[in-house]
């Protein structure tokens, strides 16, 4: 969504 999916995965992992 933001870049390719790395930032999205990072934020998703932080939220979980």
C-alpha atoms as a PDB file:
ATOM      1  CA  UNK A   1       0.000   0.000   0.000  1.00  0.00           C
ATOM      2  CA  UNK A   2       2.675   2.494   0.999  1.00  0.00           C
ATOM      3  CA  UNK A   3       5.773   1.185  -0.798  1.00  0.00           C
ATOM      4  CA  UNK A   4       5.449  -2.438  -1.850  1.00  0.00           C
ATOM      5  CA  UNK A   5       4.291  -4.302   1.217  1.00  0.00           C
ATOM      6  CA  UNK A   6       7.310  -4.189   3.504  1.00  0.00           C
ATOM      7  CA  UNK A   7       6.063  -1.168   5.460  1.00  0.00           C
ATOM      8  CA  UNK A   8       2.558  -2.614   5.534  1.00  0.00           C
ATOM      9  CA  UNK A   9       3.821  -5.916   6.887  1.00  0.00           C
ATOM     10  CA  UNK A  10       5.982  -4.086   9.425  1.00  0.00           C
ATOM     11  CA  UNK A  11       3.063  -2.043  10.737  1.00  0.00           C
ATOM     12  CA  UNK A  12       0.777  -5.082  10.750  1.00  0.00           C
ATOM     13  CA  UNK A  13       3.335  -7.001  12.786  1.00  0.00           C
ATOM     14  CA  UNK A  14       3.721  -4.114  15.215  1.00  0.00           C
ATOM     15  CA  UNK A  15      -0.048  -3.852  15.658  1.00  0.00           C
ATOM     16  CA  UNK A  16      -0.330  -7.586  16.293  1.00  0.00           C
END
